[in-house]
Protein backbone atom coordinates (compact mmCIF):
# COMPACT_ATOMS: atom_id res chain seq x y z
CA MET A 1 68.59 140.23 92.41
CA PHE A 2 71.47 138.69 90.49
CA ASP A 3 74.63 140.75 90.88
CA LYS A 4 76.97 140.01 87.99
CA ASN A 5 79.93 141.46 89.91
CA TYR A 6 79.70 138.62 92.42
CA TYR A 7 78.25 135.69 90.54
CA ALA A 8 79.02 135.81 86.80
CA PHE A 9 82.57 134.42 86.82
CA SER A 10 81.78 131.93 89.59
CA THR A 11 78.69 130.67 87.78
CA ILE A 12 80.54 130.21 84.50
CA ALA A 13 83.47 128.47 86.22
CA ILE A 14 81.14 126.07 88.06
CA MET A 15 79.31 125.32 84.81
CA ILE A 16 82.64 124.50 83.13
CA ALA A 17 83.63 122.30 86.09
CA LEU A 18 80.33 120.40 86.02
CA THR A 19 80.40 120.00 82.24
CA THR A 20 83.94 118.62 82.32
CA PHE A 21 83.01 116.27 85.15
CA ILE A 22 79.86 115.00 83.39
CA PHE A 23 81.69 114.48 80.08
CA ASP A 24 84.35 112.51 81.92
CA LEU A 25 81.69 110.31 83.54
CA ASN A 26 79.98 109.68 80.19
CA ASN A 27 83.22 108.91 78.37
CA LYS A 28 82.81 105.45 76.83
CA ASN A 29 86.20 105.30 75.16
CA PRO A 30 88.18 102.14 75.96
CA THR A 31 91.12 102.10 78.33
CA ASN A 32 92.04 98.40 78.00
CA LYS A 33 91.81 95.53 75.50
CA ASN A 34 89.08 93.69 77.44
CA GLU A 35 86.50 96.21 76.21
CA ILE A 36 87.26 95.56 72.52
CA THR A 37 86.14 93.06 69.89
CA ASN A 38 87.27 92.58 66.28
CA ILE A 39 85.14 92.87 63.15
CA HIS A 40 86.57 91.72 59.82
CA GLY A 41 85.63 92.88 56.35
CA LYS A 42 86.52 94.62 53.12
CA ILE A 43 86.14 98.37 52.82
CA GLU A 44 83.37 99.39 50.43
CA LYS A 45 83.89 103.16 50.67
CA PHE A 46 85.41 105.81 52.92
CA ASP A 47 84.80 109.51 53.44
CA TYR A 48 86.39 112.37 55.39
CA LYS A 49 83.83 115.00 56.39
CA PRO A 50 82.80 117.40 59.17
CA ASN A 51 80.35 116.24 61.83
CA SER A 52 77.87 118.33 63.82
CA ASN A 53 80.62 119.75 66.08
CA GLN A 54 82.56 121.07 63.05
CA LYS A 55 85.29 118.55 63.78
CA TYR A 56 86.30 116.29 60.93
CA THR A 57 85.65 112.58 61.16
CA TYR A 58 86.61 109.70 58.93
CA LEU A 59 83.76 107.35 58.01
CA ILE A 60 84.29 103.85 56.63
CA LYS A 61 81.65 101.57 55.09
CA ILE A 62 82.35 97.84 55.22
CA GLN A 63 80.86 95.40 52.73
CA ASN A 64 77.82 93.44 53.98
CA LEU A 65 77.22 95.77 56.96
CA ASN A 66 74.75 98.68 57.12
CA ASN A 67 76.88 100.61 59.58
CA HIS A 68 79.32 103.41 59.05
CA PHE A 69 82.45 102.98 61.10
CA GLN A 70 83.76 106.27 62.45
CA ILE A 71 87.24 107.22 63.52
CA PRO A 72 86.65 109.92 66.15
CA ALA A 73 88.35 113.26 65.57
CA SER A 74 90.53 112.92 68.67
CA TYR A 75 92.28 109.88 67.08
CA LEU A 76 92.97 111.39 63.64
CA SER A 77 96.46 112.38 64.76
CA VAL A 78 97.43 108.67 65.08
CA PHE A 79 95.46 107.52 62.02
CA ASN A 80 97.31 106.53 58.81
CA LYS A 81 94.71 107.80 56.34
CA LYS A 82 96.83 107.48 53.19
CA GLY A 83 97.91 103.93 53.99
CA LEU A 84 94.32 102.86 54.60
CA GLU A 85 93.12 104.40 51.34
CA LEU A 86 95.88 102.65 49.37
CA ASN A 87 95.15 99.24 50.92
CA ALA A 88 91.37 99.66 50.65
CA ASN A 89 91.74 99.93 46.89
CA LYS A 90 93.63 96.59 46.90
CA ASN A 91 90.46 94.91 48.24
CA GLU A 92 92.17 93.58 51.39
CA ILE A 93 90.36 92.24 54.43
CA PHE A 94 90.69 94.58 57.41
CA SER A 95 90.30 94.01 61.13
CA PHE A 96 88.38 96.77 62.92
CA GLN A 97 88.43 97.03 66.70
CA ILE A 98 85.19 98.30 68.22
CA LEU A 99 83.67 98.28 71.69
CA LYS A 100 82.02 95.01 72.70
CA ASN A 101 78.93 97.03 73.63
CA ASP A 102 78.71 98.31 70.05
CA GLU A 103 78.34 94.81 68.58
CA GLN A 104 74.59 95.12 69.09
CA LYS A 105 74.59 98.16 66.76
CA LEU A 106 75.93 96.15 63.81
CA ASN A 107 73.57 96.13 60.80
CA LYS A 108 71.26 98.73 62.37
CA ASN A 109 72.07 101.87 60.33
CA SER A 110 74.06 103.44 63.16
CA THR A 111 77.56 104.78 63.43
CA VAL A 112 80.09 102.72 65.35
CA SER A 113 83.38 104.16 66.64
CA VAL A 114 86.56 102.38 65.60
CA PHE A 115 89.55 102.19 67.96
CA GLY A 116 91.95 100.11 65.89
CA ILE A 117 92.38 99.19 62.20
CA TYR A 118 94.74 96.50 60.94
CA ALA A 119 95.33 94.62 57.69
CA ASN A 120 97.96 91.91 57.38
CA SER A 121 100.97 93.42 59.12
CA ASP A 122 99.94 97.04 58.51
CA ILE A 123 98.64 99.25 61.30
CA PHE A 124 96.37 102.13 60.25
CA LEU A 125 94.94 103.06 63.64
CA ASP A 126 97.00 101.70 66.51
CA PHE A 127 94.83 100.66 69.45
CA ASN A 128 97.72 101.11 71.89
CA LYS A 129 98.06 104.77 70.89
CA VAL A 130 94.28 105.23 71.18
CA ILE A 131 94.38 103.78 74.71
CA GLN A 132 97.18 106.20 75.61
CA ILE A 133 95.12 109.17 74.34
CA ASN A 134 92.15 107.98 76.42
CA LYS A 135 94.23 107.45 79.54
CA ASN A 136 95.77 110.91 79.22
CA SER A 137 92.34 112.55 78.94
CA LYS A 138 91.09 110.57 81.94
CA LYS A 139 94.03 111.94 83.95
CA ILE A 140 93.55 115.55 82.87
CA ASN A 141 89.75 115.98 83.02
CA PRO A 142 89.34 115.60 86.82
CA PHE A 143 92.05 118.20 87.39
CA VAL A 144 90.44 120.64 84.97
CA SER A 145 87.10 120.15 86.69
CA LEU A 146 88.60 120.58 90.16
CA PHE A 147 90.57 123.68 89.07
CA PHE A 148 87.46 125.46 87.76
CA PHE A 149 85.42 124.49 90.83
CA ILE A 150 88.07 125.82 93.25
CA ALA A 151 88.53 128.96 91.12
CA ALA A 152 84.78 129.61 91.21
CA ILE A 153 84.54 129.25 94.98
CA GLY A 154 87.72 131.27 95.55
CA PHE A 155 86.64 134.11 93.29
CA PHE A 156 83.19 134.24 94.87
CA LEU A 157 84.66 134.42 98.39
CA ILE A 158 87.17 137.09 97.42
CA ARG A 159 84.49 139.21 95.75
CA LYS A 160 81.99 138.73 98.56
CA PHE A 161 84.24 139.48 101.54
CA PHE A 162 87.42 141.27 100.41
CA TRP A 163 87.08 142.99 97.05
CA LYS A 164 83.95 145.10 97.03
CA PRO A 165 82.97 146.69 93.72
CA GLN A 166 82.95 150.44 93.78
CA THR A 167 79.60 152.05 93.24
CA LYS A 168 79.39 154.98 90.91
CA HIS A 169 77.51 158.05 92.02
CA TYR A 170 75.56 159.81 89.35
CA ARG A 171 74.54 163.47 89.65
């Protein structure tokens, strides 16, 4: 049978390690400028609302496109929301940086992630800062995964061979 004294912590730690590893493999965020293309247009509307993960995202609708452009929650710390809202009301043309792979999603009622927003000489979402955030997470995630994997194996071995749980005797 399953003995929670031996396997519970190890199982949870291995699940965390695998989840972190898989998320890192599936991460499609850019780490260099070669993965990016520019889309130009005027902002029709914008909205700041929670998504399914209860994180807040900023959605932008551009004139003549069916898409919503999303600024992922992890980039909101480097996003100049107030500046964008002020310039959007001036009817300026903006440059949005998206993944080249997402160009095929344009005009298909899907959400496209934005990694840079510029208008004239104003920077509202700096692509260089976004790249730095992505590079930092790519450095940290493998270590987190490895830490939890080693902790799981170490704890299992300690519990199995050195630290035996005491059994209670009932009368």
